Amino acid sequence: MPDRYRFLDRFTDEQLATMPESLHATLVRIEEGFKKSWVESELRRMEMYKNVI
């Protein structure tokens, strides 16, 4: 998955430790949503290339 979708990697361990749990949970949900969308997009792209070849 491209780095631009990795929100939690942008925070230091100290920031993550002091972050409110609700914010952390929201960031995890956003990151998981982007990961799912990215994977689905890559699978569609691979299927398209498979049909071309």
PDB file of N, CA and C in Angstrom:
ATOM      1  N   MET A   1       0.848  -1.169   0.000  1.00  0.00           N
ATOM      2  CA  MET A   1       0.000   0.000   0.000  1.00  0.00           C
ATOM      3  C   MET A   1       0.900   1.240   0.000  1.00  0.00           C
ATOM      4  N   PRO A   2       0.580   2.231  -0.818  1.00  0.00           N
ATOM      5  CA  PRO A   2       1.406   3.439  -0.872  1.00  0.00           C
ATOM      6  C   PRO A   2       1.489   4.150   0.485  1.00  0.00           C
ATOM      7  N   ASP A   3       2.617   4.786   0.731  1.00  0.00           N
ATOM      8  CA  ASP A   3       2.837   5.477   2.001  1.00  0.00           C
ATOM      9  C   ASP A   3       1.826   6.580   2.264  1.00  0.00           C
ATOM     10  N   ARG A   4       1.286   7.183   1.215  1.00  0.00           N
ATOM     11  CA  ARG A   4       0.364   8.304   1.441  1.00  0.00           C
ATOM     12  C   ARG A   4      -0.908   7.863   2.171  1.00  0.00           C
ATOM     13  N   TYR A   5      -1.191   6.561   2.213  1.00  0.00           N
ATOM     14  CA  TYR A   5      -2.363   6.052   2.912  1.00  0.00           C
ATOM     15  C   TYR A   5      -2.052   5.559   4.319  1.00  0.00           C
ATOM     16  N   ARG A   6      -0.807   5.633   4.735  1.00  0.00           N
ATOM     17  CA  ARG A   6      -0.399   5.129   6.048  1.00  0.00           C
ATOM     18  C   ARG A   6      -0.378   6.278   7.062  1.00  0.00           C
ATOM     19  N   PHE A   7      -1.512   6.511   7.689  1.00  0.00           N
ATOM     20  CA  PHE A   7      -1.630   7.622   8.632  1.00  0.00           C
ATOM     21  C   PHE A   7      -0.862   7.376   9.921  1.00  0.00           C
ATOM     22  N   LEU A   8      -0.948   6.183  10.450  1.00  0.00           N
ATOM     23  CA  LEU A   8      -0.359   5.917  11.762  1.00  0.00           C
ATOM     24  C   LEU A   8       1.162   5.944  11.730  1.00  0.00           C
ATOM     25  N   ASP A   9       1.767   5.684  10.574  1.00  0.00           N
ATOM     26  CA  ASP A   9       3.227   5.735  10.454  1.00  0.00           C
ATOM     27  C   ASP A   9       3.766   7.156  10.592  1.00  0.00           C
ATOM     28  N   ARG A  10       2.895   8.143  10.464  1.00  0.00           N
ATOM     29  CA  ARG A  10       3.324   9.546  10.530  1.00  0.00           C
ATOM     30  C   ARG A  10       3.477  10.043  11.964  1.00  0.00           C
ATOM     31  N   PHE A  11       3.024   9.268  12.928  1.00  0.00           N
ATOM     32  CA  PHE A  11       3.084   9.674  14.330  1.00  0.00           C
ATOM     33  C   PHE A  11       4.222   8.960  15.051  1.00  0.00           C
ATOM     34  N   THR A  12       4.820   9.658  16.009  1.00  0.00           N
ATOM     35  CA  THR A  12       5.851   9.036  16.840  1.00  0.00           C
ATOM     36  C   THR A  12       5.173   8.157  17.882  1.00  0.00           C
ATOM     37  N   ASP A  13       5.937   7.286  18.510  1.00  0.00           N
ATOM     38  CA  ASP A  13       5.386   6.435  19.566  1.00  0.00           C
ATOM     39  C   ASP A  13       4.824   7.275  20.706  1.00  0.00           C
ATOM     40  N   GLU A  14       5.494   8.376  21.015  1.00  0.00           N
ATOM     41  CA  GLU A  14       5.022   9.263  22.091  1.00  0.00           C
ATOM     42  C   GLU A  14       3.678   9.896  21.724  1.00  0.00           C
ATOM     43  N   GLN A  15       3.554  10.323  20.485  1.00  0.00           N
ATOM     44  CA  GLN A  15       2.288  10.910  20.037  1.00  0.00           C
ATOM     45  C   GLN A  15       1.166   9.876  20.078  1.00  0.00           C
ATOM     46  N   LEU A  16       1.462   8.663  19.654  1.00  0.00           N
ATOM     47  CA  LEU A  16       0.446   7.613  19.686  1.00  0.00           C
ATOM     48  C   LEU A  16       0.033   7.284  21.115  1.00  0.00           C
ATOM     49  N   ALA A  17       0.993   7.317  22.035  1.00  0.00           N
ATOM     50  CA  ALA A  17       0.701   6.994  23.431  1.00  0.00           C
ATOM     51  C   ALA A  17      -0.183   8.052  24.084  1.00  0.00           C
ATOM     52  N   THR A  18      -0.043   9.312  23.663  1.00  0.00           N
ATOM     53  CA  THR A  18      -0.824  10.390  24.277  1.00  0.00           C
ATOM     54  C   THR A  18      -2.073  10.744  23.478  1.00  0.00           C
ATOM     55  N   MET A  19      -2.263  10.109  22.352  1.00  0.00           N
ATOM     56  CA  MET A  19      -3.409  10.380  21.496  1.00  0.00           C
ATOM     57  C   MET A  19      -4.685   9.825  22.136  1.00  0.00           C
ATOM     58  N   PRO A  20      -5.777  10.586  22.101  1.00  0.00           N
ATOM     59  CA  PRO A  20      -7.039  10.045  22.618  1.00  0.00           C
ATOM     60  C   PRO A  20      -7.413   8.756  21.879  1.00  0.00           C
ATOM     61  N   GLU A  21      -7.963   7.816  22.604  1.00  0.00           N
ATOM     62  CA  GLU A  21      -8.313   6.513  22.025  1.00  0.00           C
ATOM     63  C   GLU A  21      -9.283   6.661  20.852  1.00  0.00           C
ATOM     64  N   SER A  22     -10.215   7.597  20.957  1.00  0.00           N
ATOM     65  CA  SER A  22     -11.188   7.779  19.875  1.00  0.00           C
ATOM     66  C   SER A  22     -10.504   8.254  18.588  1.00  0.00           C
ATOM     67  N   LEU A  23      -9.510   9.126  18.718  1.00  0.00           N
ATOM     68  CA  LEU A  23      -8.774   9.590  17.543  1.00  0.00           C
ATOM     69  C   LEU A  23      -7.968   8.446  16.933  1.00  0.00           C
ATOM     70  N   HIS A  24      -7.321   7.676  17.771  1.00  0.00           N
ATOM     71  CA  HIS A  24      -6.542   6.532  17.283  1.00  0.00           C
ATOM     72  C   HIS A  24      -7.454   5.545  16.555  1.00  0.00           C
ATOM     73  N   ALA A  25      -8.607   5.251  17.144  1.00  0.00           N
ATOM     74  CA  ALA A  25      -9.552   4.313  16.521  1.00  0.00           C
ATOM     75  C   ALA A  25     -10.039   4.848  15.174  1.00  0.00           C
ATOM     76  N   THR A  26     -10.281   6.149  15.104  1.00  0.00           N
ATOM     77  CA  THR A  26     -10.718   6.757  13.846  1.00  0.00           C
ATOM     78  C   THR A  26      -9.634   6.639  12.782  1.00  0.00           C
ATOM     79  N   LEU A  27      -8.387   6.924  13.161  1.00  0.00           N
ATOM     80  CA  LEU A  27      -7.283   6.812  12.205  1.00  0.00           C
ATOM     81  C   LEU A  27      -7.100   5.374  11.727  1.00  0.00           C
ATOM     82  N   VAL A  28      -7.276   4.416  12.624  1.00  0.00           N
ATOM     83  CA  VAL A  28      -7.168   3.004  12.239  1.00  0.00           C
ATOM     84  C   VAL A  28      -8.259   2.658  11.231  1.00  0.00           C
ATOM     85  N   ARG A  29      -9.494   3.107  11.481  1.00  0.00           N
ATOM     86  CA  ARG A  29     -10.600   2.822  10.551  1.00  0.00           C
ATOM     87  C   ARG A  29     -10.349   3.459   9.186  1.00  0.00           C
ATOM     88  N   ILE A  30      -9.851   4.701   9.188  1.00  0.00           N
ATOM     89  CA  ILE A  30      -9.558   5.377   7.920  1.00  0.00           C
ATOM     90  C   ILE A  30      -8.477   4.624   7.155  1.00  0.00           C
ATOM     91  N   GLU A  31      -7.407   4.259   7.861  1.00  0.00           N
ATOM     92  CA  GLU A  31      -6.304   3.549   7.210  1.00  0.00           C
ATOM     93  C   GLU A  31      -6.772   2.198   6.669  1.00  0.00           C
ATOM     94  N   GLU A  32      -7.575   1.476   7.430  1.00  0.00           N
ATOM     95  CA  GLU A  32      -8.086   0.187   6.962  1.00  0.00           C
ATOM     96  C   GLU A  32      -8.993   0.369   5.747  1.00  0.00           C
ATOM     97  N   GLY A  33      -9.799   1.429   5.750  1.00  0.00           N
ATOM     98  CA  GLY A  33     -10.664   1.709   4.600  1.00  0.00           C
ATOM     99  C   GLY A  33      -9.856   1.998   3.347  1.00  0.00           C
ATOM    100  N   PHE A  34      -8.803   2.818   3.490  1.00  0.00           N
ATOM    101  CA  PHE A  34      -7.939   3.098   2.348  1.00  0.00           C
ATOM    102  C   PHE A  34      -7.237   1.834   1.877  1.00  0.00           C
ATOM    103  N   LYS A  35      -6.792   1.011   2.825  1.00  0.00           N
ATOM    104  CA  LYS A  35      -6.101  -0.225   2.454  1.00  0.00           C
ATOM    105  C   LYS A  35      -7.041  -1.126   1.658  1.00  0.00           C
ATOM    106  N   LYS A  36      -8.284  -1.262   2.127  1.00  0.00           N
ATOM    107  CA  LYS A  36      -9.256  -2.106   1.433  1.00  0.00           C
ATOM    108  C   LYS A  36      -9.529  -1.561   0.031  1.00  0.00           C
ATOM    109  N   SER A  37      -9.728  -0.251  -0.077  1.00  0.00           N
ATOM    110  CA  SER A  37      -9.983   0.361  -1.385  1.00  0.00           C
ATOM    111  C   SER A  37      -8.796   0.176  -2.316  1.00  0.00           C
ATOM    112  N   TRP A  38      -7.588   0.353  -1.780  1.00  0.00           N
ATOM    113  CA  TRP A  38      -6.388   0.214  -2.599  1.00  0.00           C
ATOM    114  C   TRP A  38      -6.241  -1.220  -3.096  1.00  0.00           C
ATOM    115  N   VAL A  39      -6.450  -2.193  -2.218  1.00  0.00           N
ATOM    116  CA  VAL A  39      -6.334  -3.600  -2.601  1.00  0.00           C
ATOM    117  C   VAL A  39      -7.372  -3.936  -3.667  1.00  0.00           C
ATOM    118  N   GLU A  40      -8.610  -3.487  -3.468  1.00  0.00           N
ATOM    119  CA  GLU A  40      -9.650  -3.753  -4.462  1.00  0.00           C
ATOM    120  C   GLU A  40      -9.297  -3.118  -5.804  1.00  0.00           C
ATOM    121  N   SER A  41      -8.753  -1.918  -5.769  1.00  0.00           N
ATOM    122  CA  SER A  41      -8.345  -1.234  -6.993  1.00  0.00           C
ATOM    123  C   SER A  41      -7.232  -2.001  -7.706  1.00  0.00           C
ATOM    124  N   GLU A  42      -6.251  -2.471  -6.940  1.00  0.00           N
ATOM    125  CA  GLU A  42      -5.152  -3.240  -7.525  1.00  0.00           C
ATOM    126  C   GLU A  42      -5.659  -4.553  -8.124  1.00  0.00           C
ATOM    127  N   LEU A  43      -6.597  -5.198  -7.456  1.00  0.00           N
ATOM    128  CA  LEU A  43      -7.148  -6.448  -7.989  1.00  0.00           C
ATOM    129  C   LEU A  43      -7.904  -6.204  -9.288  1.00  0.00           C
ATOM    130  N   ARG A  44      -8.669  -5.109  -9.354  1.00  0.00           N
ATOM    131  CA  ARG A  44      -9.380  -4.779 -10.598  1.00  0.00           C
ATOM    132  C   ARG A  44      -8.389  -4.488 -11.721  1.00  0.00           C
ATOM    133  N   ARG A  45      -7.318  -3.760 -11.386  1.00  0.00           N
ATOM    134  CA  ARG A  45      -6.302  -3.432 -12.387  1.00  0.00           C
ATOM    135  C   ARG A  45      -5.632  -4.701 -12.904  1.00  0.00           C
ATOM    136  N   MET A  46      -5.303  -5.610 -11.995  1.00  0.00           N
ATOM    137  CA  MET A  46      -4.670  -6.867 -12.404  1.00  0.00           C
ATOM    138  C   MET A  46      -5.612  -7.691 -13.270  1.00  0.00           C
ATOM    139  N   GLU A  47      -6.892  -7.700 -12.929  1.00  0.00           N
ATOM    140  CA  GLU A  47      -7.880  -8.436 -13.716  1.00  0.00           C
ATOM    141  C   GLU A  47      -7.986  -7.832 -15.119  1.00  0.00           C
ATOM    142  N   MET A  48      -7.948  -6.506 -15.198  1.00  0.00           N
ATOM    143  CA  MET A  48      -8.018  -5.831 -16.488  1.00  0.00           C
ATOM    144  C   MET A  48      -6.811  -6.214 -17.348  1.00  0.00           C
ATOM    145  N   TYR A  49      -5.617  -6.190 -16.759  1.00  0.00           N
ATOM    146  CA  TYR A  49      -4.417  -6.565 -17.509  1.00  0.00           C
ATOM    147  C   TYR A  49      -4.463  -8.029 -17.934  1.00  0.00           C
ATOM    148  N   LYS A  50      -5.005  -8.875 -17.077  1.00  0.00           N
ATOM    149  CA  LYS A  50      -5.102 -10.294 -17.407  1.00  0.00           C
ATOM    150  C   LYS A  50      -6.001 -10.491 -18.628  1.00  0.00           C
ATOM    151  N   ASN A  51      -7.071  -9.720 -18.702  1.00  0.00           N
ATOM    152  CA  ASN A  51      -7.991  -9.832 -19.833  1.00  0.00           C
ATOM    153  C   ASN A  51      -7.382  -9.286 -21.123  1.00  0.00           C
ATOM    154  N   VAL A  52      -6.468  -8.347 -21.012  1.00  0.00           N
ATOM    155  CA  VAL A  52      -5.825  -7.766 -22.192  1.00  0.00           C
ATOM    156  C   VAL A  52      -4.803  -8.734 -22.770  1.00  0.00           C
ATOM    157  N   ILE A  53      -4.099  -9.419 -21.882  1.00  0.00           N
ATOM    158  CA  ILE A  53      -3.044 -10.337 -22.317  1.00  0.00           C
ATOM    159  C   ILE A  53      -3.654 -11.608 -22.738  1.00  0.00           C
TER     160      ILE A  53
END
